N, C-alpha and C. Protein backbone atom coordinates (compact mmCIF):
# COMPACT_ATOMS: atom_id res chain seq x y z
N MET A 1 0.86 -1.22 0.03
CA MET A 1 0.01 0.05 -0.05
C MET A 1 0.86 1.23 0.00
N GLY A 2 0.61 2.22 -0.87
CA GLY A 2 1.33 3.41 -0.95
C GLY A 2 1.05 4.40 0.08
N SER A 3 1.97 5.35 0.15
CA SER A 3 1.84 6.49 1.20
C SER A 3 0.71 7.46 0.68
N LYS A 4 -0.01 7.96 1.63
CA LYS A 4 -0.94 9.03 1.23
C LYS A 4 -0.38 10.37 1.27
N ASN A 5 0.90 10.49 1.53
CA ASN A 5 1.57 11.82 1.52
C ASN A 5 2.03 12.28 0.16
N SER A 6 1.92 11.42 -0.83
CA SER A 6 2.40 11.79 -2.20
C SER A 6 1.73 10.98 -3.23
N HIS A 7 1.86 11.42 -4.49
CA HIS A 7 1.25 10.70 -5.67
C HIS A 7 2.36 10.65 -6.73
N PRO A 8 2.26 9.73 -7.68
CA PRO A 8 3.21 9.65 -8.74
C PRO A 8 2.99 10.79 -9.82
N GLY A 9 4.14 11.20 -10.33
CA GLY A 9 4.12 12.17 -11.38
C GLY A 9 5.20 11.73 -12.39
N TYR A 10 4.97 12.12 -13.71
CA TYR A 10 5.89 11.79 -14.73
C TYR A 10 6.45 13.05 -15.41
N ARG A 11 7.79 13.15 -15.59
CA ARG A 11 8.45 14.26 -16.28
C ARG A 11 9.18 13.79 -17.50
N ASP A 12 9.28 14.68 -18.40
CA ASP A 12 10.18 14.65 -19.50
C ASP A 12 11.59 14.90 -19.13
N SER A 13 12.53 14.07 -19.49
CA SER A 13 13.91 14.23 -19.02
C SER A 13 14.62 15.39 -19.75
N LYS A 14 14.18 15.80 -20.98
CA LYS A 14 14.91 16.81 -21.66
C LYS A 14 14.52 18.22 -21.20
N ASN A 15 13.16 18.43 -20.97
CA ASN A 15 12.87 19.81 -20.61
C ASN A 15 12.21 19.91 -19.17
N GLY A 16 11.97 18.86 -18.54
CA GLY A 16 11.47 18.88 -17.18
C GLY A 16 10.03 19.12 -17.02
N GLN A 17 9.35 19.11 -18.16
CA GLN A 17 7.91 19.32 -18.00
C GLN A 17 7.13 18.09 -17.70
N PHE A 18 5.98 18.22 -16.97
CA PHE A 18 5.14 17.09 -16.59
C PHE A 18 4.43 16.64 -17.86
N VAL A 19 4.43 15.17 -17.97
CA VAL A 19 3.64 14.59 -19.05
C VAL A 19 2.75 13.60 -18.47
N THR A 20 1.82 13.04 -19.27
CA THR A 20 0.92 12.14 -18.76
C THR A 20 1.53 10.69 -18.70
N GLU A 21 0.75 9.88 -17.91
CA GLU A 21 1.34 8.59 -17.67
C GLU A 21 1.41 7.77 -19.01
N ARG A 22 0.41 8.10 -19.91
CA ARG A 22 0.42 7.40 -21.16
C ARG A 22 1.58 7.79 -22.07
N VAL A 23 1.94 8.98 -22.10
CA VAL A 23 3.17 9.49 -22.77
C VAL A 23 4.37 8.85 -22.19
N ALA A 24 4.49 8.73 -20.85
CA ALA A 24 5.66 8.24 -20.20
C ALA A 24 5.82 6.74 -20.52
N LYS A 25 4.69 6.03 -20.63
CA LYS A 25 4.81 4.55 -20.98
C LYS A 25 5.23 4.36 -22.41
N ARG A 26 4.85 5.23 -23.30
CA ARG A 26 5.23 5.20 -24.69
C ARG A 26 6.77 5.53 -24.95
N ARG A 27 7.26 6.39 -24.10
CA ARG A 27 8.76 6.92 -24.23
C ARG A 27 9.41 6.71 -22.87
N PRO A 28 9.68 5.51 -22.43
CA PRO A 28 10.36 5.24 -21.18
C PRO A 28 11.85 5.69 -21.12
N ALA A 29 12.38 5.84 -22.30
CA ALA A 29 13.89 6.24 -22.22
C ALA A 29 14.02 7.73 -22.02
N THR A 30 12.93 8.53 -22.35
CA THR A 30 13.10 9.97 -22.15
C THR A 30 12.19 10.59 -21.10
N THR A 31 11.61 9.70 -20.21
CA THR A 31 10.76 10.14 -19.10
C THR A 31 11.17 9.43 -17.88
N GLN A 32 10.71 10.13 -16.70
CA GLN A 32 11.08 9.52 -15.48
C GLN A 32 9.82 9.70 -14.53
N LYS A 33 9.60 8.71 -13.65
CA LYS A 33 8.53 8.75 -12.63
C LYS A 33 9.11 9.24 -11.38
N GLU A 34 8.39 10.20 -10.72
CA GLU A 34 8.80 10.72 -9.47
C GLU A 34 7.63 10.79 -8.46
N SER A 35 7.90 10.95 -7.20
CA SER A 35 6.97 10.99 -6.24
C SER A 35 6.73 12.56 -5.88
N ILE A 36 5.44 13.00 -6.11
CA ILE A 36 5.11 14.40 -5.84
C ILE A 36 4.33 14.52 -4.63
N PRO A 37 4.76 15.38 -3.72
CA PRO A 37 4.12 15.53 -2.38
C PRO A 37 2.67 16.16 -2.64
N ASN A 38 1.76 15.64 -1.91
CA ASN A 38 0.43 16.16 -1.98
C ASN A 38 0.39 17.59 -1.35
N PRO A 39 -0.62 18.47 -1.69
CA PRO A 39 -0.73 19.79 -1.10
C PRO A 39 -0.61 19.82 0.34
N GLY A 40 0.23 20.71 0.91
CA GLY A 40 0.44 20.70 2.34
C GLY A 40 1.43 19.83 2.91
N ARG A 41 1.97 18.93 2.15
CA ARG A 41 3.00 18.00 2.60
C ARG A 41 4.40 18.18 2.15
N GLY A 42 4.62 19.08 1.23
CA GLY A 42 6.01 19.30 0.76
C GLY A 42 6.66 20.51 1.39
N ASP A 43 7.89 20.84 0.95
CA ASP A 43 8.67 21.97 1.56
C ASP A 43 8.15 23.22 0.90
N THR A 44 7.51 24.09 1.64
CA THR A 44 6.98 25.32 1.16
C THR A 44 7.97 26.54 1.22
N GLY A 45 9.02 26.32 2.00
CA GLY A 45 9.95 27.48 2.19
C GLY A 45 9.45 28.36 3.20
N ARG A 46 8.34 28.22 3.94
CA ARG A 46 7.85 29.22 4.81
C ARG A 46 8.03 28.71 6.23
N SER A 47 9.07 28.16 6.54
CA SER A 47 9.28 27.66 8.00
C SER A 47 9.55 28.77 8.92
N GLY A 48 10.02 30.02 8.55
CA GLY A 48 10.22 31.07 9.44
C GLY A 48 11.61 31.01 10.11
N LYS A 49 12.45 30.14 9.82
CA LYS A 49 13.76 30.01 10.47
C LYS A 49 14.65 31.10 9.99
N GLY A 50 15.23 31.87 10.90
CA GLY A 50 16.19 32.90 10.60
C GLY A 50 15.54 34.29 10.09
N LYS A 51 14.17 34.37 10.22
CA LYS A 51 13.53 35.48 9.74
C LYS A 51 13.40 36.66 10.84
N ARG A 52 13.75 36.42 12.09
CA ARG A 52 13.61 37.26 13.19
C ARG A 52 14.81 38.35 13.28
């Protein structure tokens, strides 16, 4: 069972744009699968450390 903190995403290796799963399966040599954090679960850069 997968983690509920993320979902799979597919990117083009050449330009970094997201592509659909269908495109990624047709071109496995030029795409890669990665784990994308769900909203509210990733690094937002708003931790407030060192801002005071």
